[in-house]
PDB file of all heavy atoms in Angstrom:
ATOM      1  N   PRO A   1      17.744  -4.113  -6.230  1.00  0.00           N
ATOM      2  CA  PRO A   1      16.540  -3.669  -6.955  1.00  0.00           C
ATOM      3  C   PRO A   1      15.249  -4.312  -6.444  1.00  0.00           C
ATOM      4  O   PRO A   1      14.189  -3.668  -6.432  1.00  0.00           O
ATOM      5  CB  PRO A   1      16.828  -4.097  -8.399  1.00  0.00           C
ATOM      6  CG  PRO A   1      18.304  -4.177  -8.493  1.00  0.00           C
ATOM      7  CD  PRO A   1      18.754  -4.658  -7.148  1.00  0.00           C
ATOM      8  N   MET A   2      15.337  -5.575  -5.988  1.00  0.00           N
ATOM      9  CA  MET A   2      14.129  -6.268  -5.522  1.00  0.00           C
ATOM     10  C   MET A   2      13.578  -5.667  -4.240  1.00  0.00           C
ATOM     11  O   MET A   2      12.382  -5.771  -3.966  1.00  0.00           O
ATOM     12  CB  MET A   2      14.422  -7.750  -5.313  1.00  0.00           C
ATOM     13  CG  MET A   2      14.472  -8.563  -6.600  1.00  0.00           C
ATOM     14  SD  MET A   2      12.931  -8.450  -7.573  1.00  0.00           S
ATOM     15  CE  MET A   2      11.733  -9.141  -6.424  1.00  0.00           C
ATOM     16  N   ILE A   3      14.428  -5.015  -3.464  1.00  0.00           N
ATOM     17  CA  ILE A   3      13.930  -4.336  -2.258  1.00  0.00           C
ATOM     18  C   ILE A   3      12.873  -3.309  -2.646  1.00  0.00           C
ATOM     19  O   ILE A   3      11.785  -3.238  -2.052  1.00  0.00           O
ATOM     20  CB  ILE A   3      15.085  -3.643  -1.505  1.00  0.00           C
ATOM     21  CG1 ILE A   3      16.098  -4.662  -0.999  1.00  0.00           C
ATOM     22  CG2 ILE A   3      14.536  -2.805  -0.339  1.00  0.00           C
ATOM     23  CD1 ILE A   3      17.358  -4.035  -0.424  1.00  0.00           C
ATOM     24  N   TYR A   4      13.172  -2.514  -3.660  1.00  0.00           N
ATOM     25  CA  TYR A   4      12.277  -1.428  -4.061  1.00  0.00           C
ATOM     26  C   TYR A   4      11.070  -1.956  -4.827  1.00  0.00           C
ATOM     27  O   TYR A   4       9.965  -1.409  -4.708  1.00  0.00           O
ATOM     28  CB  TYR A   4      13.059  -0.411  -4.895  1.00  0.00           C
ATOM     29  CG  TYR A   4      14.178   0.217  -4.088  1.00  0.00           C
ATOM     30  CD1 TYR A   4      15.477  -0.281  -4.153  1.00  0.00           C
ATOM     31  CD2 TYR A   4      13.910   1.269  -3.219  1.00  0.00           C
ATOM     32  CE1 TYR A   4      16.495   0.273  -3.376  1.00  0.00           C
ATOM     33  CE2 TYR A   4      14.921   1.825  -2.446  1.00  0.00           C
ATOM     34  CZ  TYR A   4      16.207   1.316  -2.533  1.00  0.00           C
ATOM     35  OH  TYR A   4      17.201   1.865  -1.755  1.00  0.00           O
ATOM     36  N   ILE A   5      11.263  -3.026  -5.578  1.00  0.00           N
ATOM     37  CA  ILE A   5      10.131  -3.632  -6.294  1.00  0.00           C
ATOM     38  C   ILE A   5       9.119  -4.193  -5.298  1.00  0.00           C
ATOM     39  O   ILE A   5       7.908  -3.966  -5.423  1.00  0.00           O
ATOM     40  CB  ILE A   5      10.627  -4.731  -7.252  1.00  0.00           C
ATOM     41  CG1 ILE A   5      11.430  -4.106  -8.392  1.00  0.00           C
ATOM     42  CG2 ILE A   5       9.455  -5.546  -7.800  1.00  0.00           C
ATOM     43  CD1 ILE A   5      12.162  -5.107  -9.257  1.00  0.00           C
ATOM     44  N   LYS A   6       9.608  -4.919  -4.295  1.00  0.00           N
ATOM     45  CA  LYS A   6       8.713  -5.499  -3.297  1.00  0.00           C
ATOM     46  C   LYS A   6       8.025  -4.421  -2.463  1.00  0.00           C
ATOM     47  O   LYS A   6       6.844  -4.543  -2.120  1.00  0.00           O
ATOM     48  CB  LYS A   6       9.489  -6.456  -2.386  1.00  0.00           C
ATOM     49  CG  LYS A   6       9.849  -7.781  -3.054  1.00  0.00           C
ATOM     50  CD  LYS A   6      10.597  -8.673  -2.097  1.00  0.00           C
ATOM     51  CE  LYS A   6      10.854 -10.064  -2.702  1.00  0.00           C
ATOM     52  NZ  LYS A   6       9.603 -10.850  -2.809  1.00  0.00           N
ATOM     53  N   THR A   7       8.761  -3.353  -2.157  1.00  0.00           N
ATOM     54  CA  THR A   7       8.176  -2.255  -1.374  1.00  0.00           C
ATOM     55  C   THR A   7       7.054  -1.581  -2.149  1.00  0.00           C
ATOM     56  O   THR A   7       5.955  -1.349  -1.608  1.00  0.00           O
ATOM     57  CB  THR A   7       9.260  -1.224  -1.023  1.00  0.00           C
ATOM     58  OG1 THR A   7      10.265  -1.848  -0.228  1.00  0.00           O
ATOM     59  CG2 THR A   7       8.668  -0.052  -0.261  1.00  0.00           C
ATOM     60  N   ALA A   8       7.308  -1.270  -3.416  1.00  0.00           N
ATOM     61  CA  ALA A   8       6.287  -0.616  -4.237  1.00  0.00           C
ATOM     62  C   ALA A   8       5.081  -1.527  -4.440  1.00  0.00           C
ATOM     63  O   ALA A   8       3.929  -1.079  -4.374  1.00  0.00           O
ATOM     64  CB  ALA A   8       6.887  -0.229  -5.592  1.00  0.00           C
ATOM     65  N   PHE A   9       5.359  -2.799  -4.684  1.00  0.00           N
ATOM     66  CA  PHE A   9       4.260  -3.749  -4.886  1.00  0.00           C
ATOM     67  C   PHE A   9       3.358  -3.826  -3.661  1.00  0.00           C
ATOM     68  O   PHE A   9       2.132  -3.859  -3.782  1.00  0.00           O
ATOM     69  CB  PHE A   9       4.808  -5.129  -5.233  1.00  0.00           C
ATOM     70  CG  PHE A   9       3.739  -6.178  -5.352  1.00  0.00           C
ATOM     71  CD1 PHE A   9       2.954  -6.259  -6.493  1.00  0.00           C
ATOM     72  CD2 PHE A   9       3.497  -7.071  -4.311  1.00  0.00           C
ATOM     73  CE1 PHE A   9       1.957  -7.209  -6.601  1.00  0.00           C
ATOM     74  CE2 PHE A   9       2.500  -8.018  -4.410  1.00  0.00           C
ATOM     75  CZ  PHE A   9       1.722  -8.095  -5.561  1.00  0.00           C
ATOM     76  N   LYS A  10       3.966  -3.880  -2.474  1.00  0.00           N
ATOM     77  CA  LYS A  10       3.170  -3.978  -1.250  1.00  0.00           C
ATOM     78  C   LYS A  10       2.224  -2.787  -1.111  1.00  0.00           C
ATOM     79  O   LYS A  10       1.036  -2.956  -0.794  1.00  0.00           O
ATOM     80  CB  LYS A  10       4.100  -4.073  -0.030  1.00  0.00           C
ATOM     81  CG  LYS A  10       3.389  -4.102   1.320  1.00  0.00           C
ATOM     82  CD  LYS A  10       2.465  -5.286   1.472  1.00  0.00           C
ATOM     83  CE  LYS A  10       3.203  -6.592   1.654  1.00  0.00           C
ATOM     84  NZ  LYS A  10       3.841  -6.710   2.967  1.00  0.00           N
ATOM     85  N   PHE A  11       2.729  -1.572  -1.360  1.00  0.00           N
ATOM     86  CA  PHE A  11       1.855  -0.409  -1.232  1.00  0.00           C
ATOM     87  C   PHE A  11       0.757  -0.422  -2.294  1.00  0.00           C
ATOM     88  O   PHE A  11      -0.426  -0.231  -1.977  1.00  0.00           O
ATOM     89  CB  PHE A  11       2.651   0.886  -1.352  1.00  0.00           C
ATOM     90  CG  PHE A  11       1.769   2.102  -1.294  1.00  0.00           C
ATOM     91  CD1 PHE A  11       1.325   2.589  -0.078  1.00  0.00           C
ATOM     92  CD2 PHE A  11       1.342   2.734  -2.465  1.00  0.00           C
ATOM     93  CE1 PHE A  11       0.479   3.694  -0.015  1.00  0.00           C
ATOM     94  CE2 PHE A  11       0.504   3.838  -2.404  1.00  0.00           C
ATOM     95  CZ  PHE A  11       0.068   4.316  -1.185  1.00  0.00           C
ATOM     96  N   LEU A  12       1.121  -0.651  -3.548  1.00  0.00           N
ATOM     97  CA  LEU A  12       0.141  -0.606  -4.636  1.00  0.00           C
ATOM     98  C   LEU A  12      -0.917  -1.689  -4.477  1.00  0.00           C
ATOM     99  O   LEU A  12      -2.104  -1.442  -4.721  1.00  0.00           O
ATOM    100  CB  LEU A  12       0.855  -0.746  -5.984  1.00  0.00           C
ATOM    101  CG  LEU A  12       1.783   0.419  -6.354  1.00  0.00           C
ATOM    102  CD1 LEU A  12       2.581   0.071  -7.602  1.00  0.00           C
ATOM    103  CD2 LEU A  12       0.996   1.705  -6.563  1.00  0.00           C
ATOM    104  N   ARG A  13      -0.499  -2.867  -4.064  1.00  0.00           N
ATOM    105  CA  ARG A  13      -1.468  -3.954  -3.864  1.00  0.00           C
ATOM    106  C   ARG A  13      -2.471  -3.605  -2.773  1.00  0.00           C
ATOM    107  O   ARG A  13      -3.690  -3.718  -2.952  1.00  0.00           O
ATOM    108  CB  ARG A  13      -0.732  -5.248  -3.492  1.00  0.00           C
ATOM    109  CG  ARG A  13      -1.644  -6.460  -3.372  1.00  0.00           C
ATOM    110  CD  ARG A  13      -0.971  -7.604  -2.646  1.00  0.00           C
ATOM    111  NE  ARG A  13      -0.735  -7.265  -1.237  1.00  0.00           N
ATOM    112  CZ  ARG A  13      -0.190  -8.108  -0.363  1.00  0.00           C
ATOM    113  NH1 ARG A  13       0.218  -9.301  -0.751  1.00  0.00           N
ATOM    114  NH2 ARG A  13      -0.012  -7.742   0.899  1.00  0.00           N
ATOM    115  N   ASN A  14      -1.961  -3.175  -1.597  1.00  0.00           N
ATOM    116  CA  ASN A  14      -2.855  -2.917  -0.475  1.00  0.00           C
ATOM    117  C   ASN A  14      -3.736  -1.694  -0.687  1.00  0.00           C
ATOM    118  O   ASN A  14      -4.896  -1.678  -0.275  1.00  0.00           O
ATOM    119  CB  ASN A  14      -2.038  -2.755   0.812  1.00  0.00           C
ATOM    120  CG  ASN A  14      -1.427  -4.064   1.277  1.00  0.00           C
ATOM    121  OD1 ASN A  14      -1.617  -5.109   0.663  1.00  0.00           O
ATOM    122  ND2 ASN A  14      -0.677  -4.008   2.358  1.00  0.00           N
ATOM    123  N   TYR A  15      -3.185  -0.660  -1.331  1.00  0.00           N
ATOM    124  CA  TYR A  15      -3.932   0.589  -1.466  1.00  0.00           C
ATOM    125  C   TYR A  15      -4.947   0.540  -2.609  1.00  0.00           C
ATOM    126  O   TYR A  15      -6.056   1.095  -2.472  1.00  0.00           O
ATOM    127  CB  TYR A  15      -2.975   1.753  -1.673  1.00  0.00           C
ATOM    128  CG  TYR A  15      -3.644   3.109  -1.473  1.00  0.00           C
ATOM    129  CD1 TYR A  15      -4.109   3.479  -0.214  1.00  0.00           C
ATOM    130  CD2 TYR A  15      -3.806   3.995  -2.531  1.00  0.00           C
ATOM    131  CE1 TYR A  15      -4.721   4.711  -0.009  1.00  0.00           C
ATOM    132  CE2 TYR A  15      -4.413   5.231  -2.342  1.00  0.00           C
ATOM    133  CZ  TYR A  15      -4.875   5.580  -1.080  1.00  0.00           C
ATOM    134  OH  TYR A  15      -5.488   6.793  -0.888  1.00  0.00           O
ATOM    135  N   PHE A  16      -4.581  -0.126  -3.697  1.00  0.00           N
ATOM    136  CA  PHE A  16      -5.477  -0.156  -4.851  1.00  0.00           C
ATOM    137  C   PHE A  16      -6.209  -1.492  -4.995  1.00  0.00           C
ATOM    138  O   PHE A  16      -7.448  -1.536  -4.992  1.00  0.00           O
ATOM    139  CB  PHE A  16      -4.715   0.185  -6.138  1.00  0.00           C
ATOM    140  CG  PHE A  16      -4.222   1.595  -6.168  1.00  0.00           C
ATOM    141  CD1 PHE A  16      -2.880   1.888  -5.954  1.00  0.00           C
ATOM    142  CD2 PHE A  16      -5.094   2.647  -6.378  1.00  0.00           C
ATOM    143  CE1 PHE A  16      -2.425   3.201  -5.962  1.00  0.00           C
ATOM    144  CE2 PHE A  16      -4.655   3.973  -6.387  1.00  0.00           C
ATOM    145  CZ  PHE A  16      -3.315   4.247  -6.172  1.00  0.00           C
ATOM    146  N   LEU A  17      -5.480  -2.607  -5.084  1.00  0.00           N
ATOM    147  CA  LEU A  17      -6.127  -3.907  -5.264  1.00  0.00           C
ATOM    148  C   LEU A  17      -6.962  -4.287  -4.057  1.00  0.00           C
ATOM    149  O   LEU A  17      -8.075  -4.814  -4.184  1.00  0.00           O
ATOM    150  CB  LEU A  17      -5.070  -4.980  -5.546  1.00  0.00           C
ATOM    151  CG  LEU A  17      -5.606  -6.378  -5.864  1.00  0.00           C
ATOM    152  CD1 LEU A  17      -6.463  -6.356  -7.124  1.00  0.00           C
ATOM    153  CD2 LEU A  17      -4.457  -7.370  -6.030  1.00  0.00           C
ATOM    154  N   TYR A  18      -6.440  -4.029  -2.852  1.00  0.00           N
ATOM    155  CA  TYR A  18      -7.170  -4.341  -1.628  1.00  0.00           C
ATOM    156  C   TYR A  18      -7.977  -3.150  -1.113  1.00  0.00           C
ATOM    157  O   TYR A  18      -8.440  -3.162   0.026  1.00  0.00           O
ATOM    158  CB  TYR A  18      -6.210  -4.824  -0.546  1.00  0.00           C
ATOM    159  CG  TYR A  18      -5.586  -6.176  -0.825  1.00  0.00           C
ATOM    160  CD1 TYR A  18      -4.494  -6.617  -0.100  1.00  0.00           C
ATOM    161  CD2 TYR A  18      -6.085  -7.018  -1.816  1.00  0.00           C
ATOM    162  CE1 TYR A  18      -3.913  -7.856  -0.348  1.00  0.00           C
ATOM    163  CE2 TYR A  18      -5.513  -8.251  -2.077  1.00  0.00           C
ATOM    164  CZ  TYR A  18      -4.426  -8.662  -1.345  1.00  0.00           C
ATOM    165  OH  TYR A  18      -3.851  -9.890  -1.589  1.00  0.00           O
ATOM    166  N   LEU A  19      -8.125  -2.131  -1.948  1.00  0.00           N
ATOM    167  CA  LEU A  19      -9.058  -1.014  -1.704  1.00  0.00           C
ATOM    168  C   LEU A  19      -8.749  -0.219  -0.436  1.00  0.00           C
ATOM    169  O   LEU A  19      -9.653   0.311   0.222  1.00  0.00           O
ATOM    170  CB  LEU A  19     -10.505  -1.521  -1.651  1.00  0.00           C
ATOM    171  CG  LEU A  19     -10.975  -2.363  -2.842  1.00  0.00           C
ATOM    172  CD1 LEU A  19     -12.422  -2.814  -2.645  1.00  0.00           C
ATOM    173  CD2 LEU A  19     -10.831  -1.594  -4.145  1.00  0.00           C
ATOM    174  N   GLY A  20      -7.468  -0.079  -0.126  1.00  0.00           N
ATOM    175  CA  GLY A  20      -7.095   0.684   1.055  1.00  0.00           C
ATOM    176  C   GLY A  20      -7.589   2.119   1.027  1.00  0.00           C
ATOM    177  O   GLY A  20      -7.853   2.709   2.083  1.00  0.00           O
ATOM    178  N   PHE A  21      -7.750   2.673  -0.170  1.00  0.00           N
ATOM    179  CA  PHE A  21      -8.219   4.065  -0.269  1.00  0.00           C
ATOM    180  C   PHE A  21      -9.615   4.232   0.312  1.00  0.00           C
ATOM    181  O   PHE A  21     -10.004   5.339   0.713  1.00  0.00           O
ATOM    182  CB  PHE A  21      -8.173   4.539  -1.733  1.00  0.00           C
ATOM    183  CG  PHE A  21      -9.026   3.742  -2.673  1.00  0.00           C
ATOM    184  CD1 PHE A  21     -10.341   4.086  -2.900  1.00  0.00           C
ATOM    185  CD2 PHE A  21      -8.500   2.643  -3.352  1.00  0.00           C
ATOM    186  CE1 PHE A  21     -11.133   3.372  -3.782  1.00  0.00           C
ATOM    187  CE2 PHE A  21      -9.275   1.918  -4.237  1.00  0.00           C
ATOM    188  CZ  PHE A  21     -10.591   2.269  -4.447  1.00  0.00           C
ATOM    189  N   LEU A  22     -10.398   3.140   0.385  1.00  0.00           N
ATOM    190  CA  LEU A  22     -11.739   3.238   0.968  1.00  0.00           C
ATOM    191  C   LEU A  22     -11.698   3.385   2.489  1.00  0.00           C
ATOM    192  O   LEU A  22     -12.708   3.737   3.095  1.00  0.00           O
ATOM    193  CB  LEU A  22     -12.569   2.005   0.591  1.00  0.00           C
ATOM    194  CG  LEU A  22     -12.914   1.858  -0.896  1.00  0.00           C
ATOM    195  CD1 LEU A  22     -13.720   0.590  -1.137  1.00  0.00           C
ATOM    196  CD2 LEU A  22     -13.691   3.078  -1.399  1.00  0.00           C
ATOM    197  N   ASP A  23     -10.559   3.131   3.089  1.00  0.00           N
ATOM    198  CA  ASP A  23     -10.398   3.360   4.530  1.00  0.00           C
ATOM    199  C   ASP A  23      -9.944   4.784   4.840  1.00  0.00           C
ATOM    200  O   ASP A  23      -9.608   5.093   5.986  1.00  0.00           O
ATOM    201  CB  ASP A  23      -9.389   2.360   5.117  1.00  0.00           C
ATOM    202  CG  ASP A  23      -9.951   0.954   5.229  1.00  0.00           C
ATOM    203  OD1 ASP A  23     -11.109   0.821   5.643  1.00  0.00           O
ATOM    204  OD2 ASP A  23      -9.233  -0.003   4.887  1.00  0.00           O
ATOM    205  N   GLY A  24      -9.916   5.640   3.820  1.00  0.00           N
ATOM    206  CA  GLY A  24      -9.600   7.041   4.025  1.00  0.00           C
ATOM    207  C   GLY A  24      -8.152   7.284   4.421  1.00  0.00           C
ATOM    208  O   GLY A  24      -7.243   6.562   4.023  1.00  0.00           O
ATOM    209  N   LYS A  25      -7.954   8.326   5.228  1.00  0.00           N
ATOM    210  CA  LYS A  25      -6.608   8.721   5.635  1.00  0.00           C
ATOM    211  C   LYS A  25      -5.874   7.580   6.337  1.00  0.00           C
ATOM    212  O   LYS A  25      -4.694   7.323   6.070  1.00  0.00           O
ATOM    213  CB  LYS A  25      -6.681   9.936   6.549  1.00  0.00           C
ATOM    214  CG  LYS A  25      -5.319  10.411   7.048  1.00  0.00           C
ATOM    215  CD  LYS A  25      -5.463  11.603   7.988  1.00  0.00           C
ATOM    216  CE  LYS A  25      -4.099  12.021   8.546  1.00  0.00           C
ATOM    217  NZ  LYS A  25      -4.235  13.166   9.492  1.00  0.00           N
ATOM    218  N   ASN A  26      -6.569   6.884   7.231  1.00  0.00           N
ATOM    219  CA  ASN A  26      -5.926   5.791   7.947  1.00  0.00           C
ATOM    220  C   ASN A  26      -5.573   4.640   7.000  1.00  0.00           C
ATOM    221  O   ASN A  26      -4.579   3.939   7.231  1.00  0.00           O
ATOM    222  CB  ASN A  26      -6.808   5.285   9.085  1.00  0.00           C
ATOM    223  CG  ASN A  26      -6.727   6.170  10.313  1.00  0.00           C
ATOM    224  OD1 ASN A  26      -5.722   6.838  10.545  1.00  0.00           O
ATOM    225  ND2 ASN A  26      -7.785   6.202  11.097  1.00  0.00           N
ATOM    226  N   GLY A  27      -6.357   4.450   5.968  1.00  0.00           N
ATOM    227  CA  GLY A  27      -6.023   3.437   4.972  1.00  0.00           C
ATOM    228  C   GLY A  27      -4.698   3.748   4.298  1.00  0.00           C
ATOM    229  O   GLY A  27      -3.868   2.850   4.078  1.00  0.00           O
ATOM    230  N   PHE A  28      -4.485   5.024   3.968  1.00  0.00           N
ATOM    231  CA  PHE A  28      -3.214   5.429   3.354  1.00  0.00           C
ATOM    232  C   PHE A  28      -2.057   5.188   4.321  1.00  0.00           C
ATOM    233  O   PHE A  28      -1.006   4.665   3.933  1.00  0.00           O
ATOM    234  CB  PHE A  28      -3.273   6.898   2.952  1.00  0.00           C
ATOM    235  CG  PHE A  28      -1.981   7.411   2.386  1.00  0.00           C
ATOM    236  CD1 PHE A  28      -1.617   7.141   1.080  1.00  0.00           C
ATOM    237  CD2 PHE A  28      -1.113   8.157   3.174  1.00  0.00           C
ATOM    238  CE1 PHE A  28      -0.406   7.600   0.557  1.00  0.00           C
ATOM    239  CE2 PHE A  28       0.095   8.620   2.667  1.00  0.00           C
ATOM    240  CZ  PHE A  28       0.442   8.339   1.349  1.00  0.00           C
ATOM    241  N   VAL A  29      -2.251   5.544   5.582  1.00  0.00           N
ATOM    242  CA  VAL A  29      -1.198   5.364   6.578  1.00  0.00           C
ATOM    243  C   VAL A  29      -0.872   3.880   6.736  1.00  0.00           C
ATOM    244  O   VAL A  29       0.305   3.484   6.776  1.00  0.00           O
ATOM    245  CB  VAL A  29      -1.617   5.972   7.931  1.00  0.00           C
ATOM    246  CG1 VAL A  29      -0.601   5.617   9.022  1.00  0.00           C
ATOM    247  CG2 VAL A  29      -1.765   7.478   7.810  1.00  0.00           C
ATOM    248  N   ILE A  30      -1.890   3.039   6.821  1.00  0.00           N
ATOM    249  CA  ILE A  30      -1.678   1.598   6.995  1.00  0.00           C
ATOM    250  C   ILE A  30      -0.922   1.014   5.810  1.00  0.00           C
ATOM    251  O   ILE A  30       0.038   0.242   5.979  1.00  0.00           O
ATOM    252  CB  ILE A  30      -3.033   0.884   7.177  1.00  0.00           C
ATOM    253  CG1 ILE A  30      -3.614   1.218   8.551  1.00  0.00           C
ATOM    254  CG2 ILE A  30      -2.887  -0.627   6.997  1.00  0.00           C
ATOM    255  CD1 ILE A  30      -5.066   0.837   8.711  1.00  0.00           C
ATOM    256  N   CYS A  31      -1.326   1.372   4.591  1.00  0.00           N
ATOM    257  CA  CYS A  31      -0.659   0.846   3.397  1.00  0.00           C
ATOM    258  C   CYS A  31       0.783   1.340   3.315  1.00  0.00           C
ATOM    259  O   CYS A  31       1.683   0.590   2.910  1.00  0.00           O
ATOM    260  CB  CYS A  31      -1.442   1.234   2.151  1.00  0.00           C
ATOM    261  SG  CYS A  31      -3.091   0.474   2.065  1.00  0.00           S
ATOM    262  N   ARG A  32       0.997   2.589   3.699  1.00  0.00           N
ATOM    263  CA  ARG A  32       2.359   3.131   3.705  1.00  0.00           C
ATOM    264  C   ARG A  32       3.215   2.406   4.739  1.00  0.00           C
ATOM    265  O   ARG A  32       4.374   2.068   4.477  1.00  0.00           O
ATOM    266  CB  ARG A  32       2.310   4.621   4.013  1.00  0.00           C
ATOM    267  CG  ARG A  32       3.674   5.320   3.895  1.00  0.00           C
ATOM    268  CD  ARG A  32       3.555   6.769   4.288  1.00  0.00           C
ATOM    269  NE  ARG A  32       3.214   6.912   5.701  1.00  0.00           N
ATOM    270  CZ  ARG A  32       2.955   8.072   6.296  1.00  0.00           C
ATOM    271  NH1 ARG A  32       2.963   9.193   5.592  1.00  0.00           N
ATOM    272  NH2 ARG A  32       2.649   8.118   7.583  1.00  0.00           N
ATOM    273  N   MET A  33       2.667   2.148   5.918  1.00  0.00           N
ATOM    274  CA  MET A  33       3.416   1.451   6.958  1.00  0.00           C
ATOM    275  C   MET A  33       3.733   0.015   6.545  1.00  0.00           C
ATOM    276  O   MET A  33       4.828  -0.501   6.835  1.00  0.00           O
ATOM    277  CB  MET A  33       2.630   1.455   8.270  1.00  0.00           C
ATOM    278  CG  MET A  33       2.631   2.784   8.980  1.00  0.00           C
ATOM    279  SD  MET A  33       4.270   3.174   9.660  1.00  0.00           S
ATOM    280  CE  MET A  33       3.836   4.620  10.623  1.00  0.00           C
ATOM    281  N   SER A  34       2.808  -0.645   5.880  1.00  0.00           N
ATOM    282  CA  SER A  34       3.061  -2.010   5.407  1.00  0.00           C
ATOM    283  C   SER A  34       4.213  -2.023   4.411  1.00  0.00           C
ATOM    284  O   SER A  34       5.077  -2.906   4.443  1.00  0.00           O
ATOM    285  CB  SER A  34       1.798  -2.593   4.765  1.00  0.00           C
ATOM    286  OG  SER A  34       0.774  -2.754   5.719  1.00  0.00           O
TER     287      SER A  34
END
């Protein structure tokens, strides 16, 4: 279960808390890859 928790946390943190959405399409790709 922790695999999926850590994976989801990484995306949500980078895309929302670290404002990845402000980098546009590439921001989404980067957060997804992380």
